[in-house]
Amino acid sequence: MSQEEKSTLSGGDYEVDDVTAGAEPWEPIETKLVLWSLAVAAIVLILGLIFVPTSILH
């Protein structure tokens, strides 16, 4: 398969090894950053759901 044929948007011709060939290893600090970001986002969402409706009603 030529490079021109691989440059289409179709992903059916790619294998997992083709996609992850140049990927860097996942560091433990990156896992912590993702988990803390999700936790902070969940807390902000809950606080927003509590405070926004009460501020509109008053």
Protein backbone atom coordinates (compact mmCIF):
# COMPACT_ATOMS: atom_id res chain seq x y z
CA MET A 1 0.00 0.00 0.00
CA SER A 2 1.45 3.36 -0.99
CA GLN A 3 1.68 6.41 1.28
CA GLU A 4 -1.01 8.19 -0.76
CA GLU A 5 -3.45 5.35 -0.10
CA LYS A 6 -2.72 5.48 3.65
CA SER A 7 -3.39 9.22 3.83
CA THR A 8 -7.16 8.82 3.50
CA LEU A 9 -9.49 9.26 6.46
CA SER A 10 -10.49 5.60 6.47
CA GLY A 11 -9.03 3.73 9.44
CA GLY A 12 -9.82 0.25 8.18
CA ASP A 13 -6.39 -0.31 6.63
CA TYR A 14 -4.39 0.49 9.77
CA GLU A 15 -3.26 -1.98 12.39
CA VAL A 16 -2.77 -1.11 16.07
CA ASP A 17 1.00 -1.32 15.66
CA ASP A 18 0.88 1.25 12.83
CA VAL A 19 -0.94 3.77 15.02
CA THR A 20 1.14 3.29 18.18
CA ALA A 21 4.53 2.88 16.48
CA GLY A 22 5.99 6.23 17.60
CA ALA A 23 4.10 6.63 20.87
CA GLU A 24 5.96 7.55 24.03
CA PRO A 25 5.52 5.37 27.12
CA TRP A 26 2.84 6.47 29.61
CA GLU A 27 4.44 7.93 32.73
CA PRO A 28 2.90 7.45 36.21
CA ILE A 29 2.71 11.23 36.73
CA GLU A 30 0.50 11.44 33.64
CA THR A 31 -1.90 8.96 35.20
CA LYS A 32 -2.07 11.07 38.36
CA LEU A 33 -2.66 14.23 36.33
CA VAL A 34 -5.53 12.63 34.42
CA LEU A 35 -7.15 11.25 37.56
CA TRP A 36 -6.81 14.55 39.48
CA SER A 37 -8.19 16.46 36.50
CA LEU A 38 -11.24 14.19 36.36
CA ALA A 39 -11.75 14.54 40.12
CA VAL A 40 -11.53 18.34 39.98
CA ALA A 41 -13.90 18.41 36.99
CA ALA A 42 -16.43 16.25 38.85
CA ILE A 43 -16.26 18.48 41.94
CA VAL A 44 -16.68 21.65 39.87
CA LEU A 45 -19.62 20.09 38.03
CA ILE A 46 -21.34 19.17 41.29
CA LEU A 47 -20.71 22.61 42.78
CA GLY A 48 -22.00 24.24 39.62
CA LEU A 49 -25.16 22.13 39.69
CA ILE A 50 -25.74 23.19 43.30
CA PHE A 51 -24.92 26.91 43.13
CA VAL A 52 -26.20 27.93 39.70
CA PRO A 53 -29.86 26.90 40.24
CA THR A 54 -29.91 28.46 43.71
CA SER A 55 -28.48 31.74 42.38
CA ILE A 56 -31.12 31.85 39.63
CA LEU A 57 -33.97 31.23 42.05
CA HIS A 58 -32.96 33.98 44.49
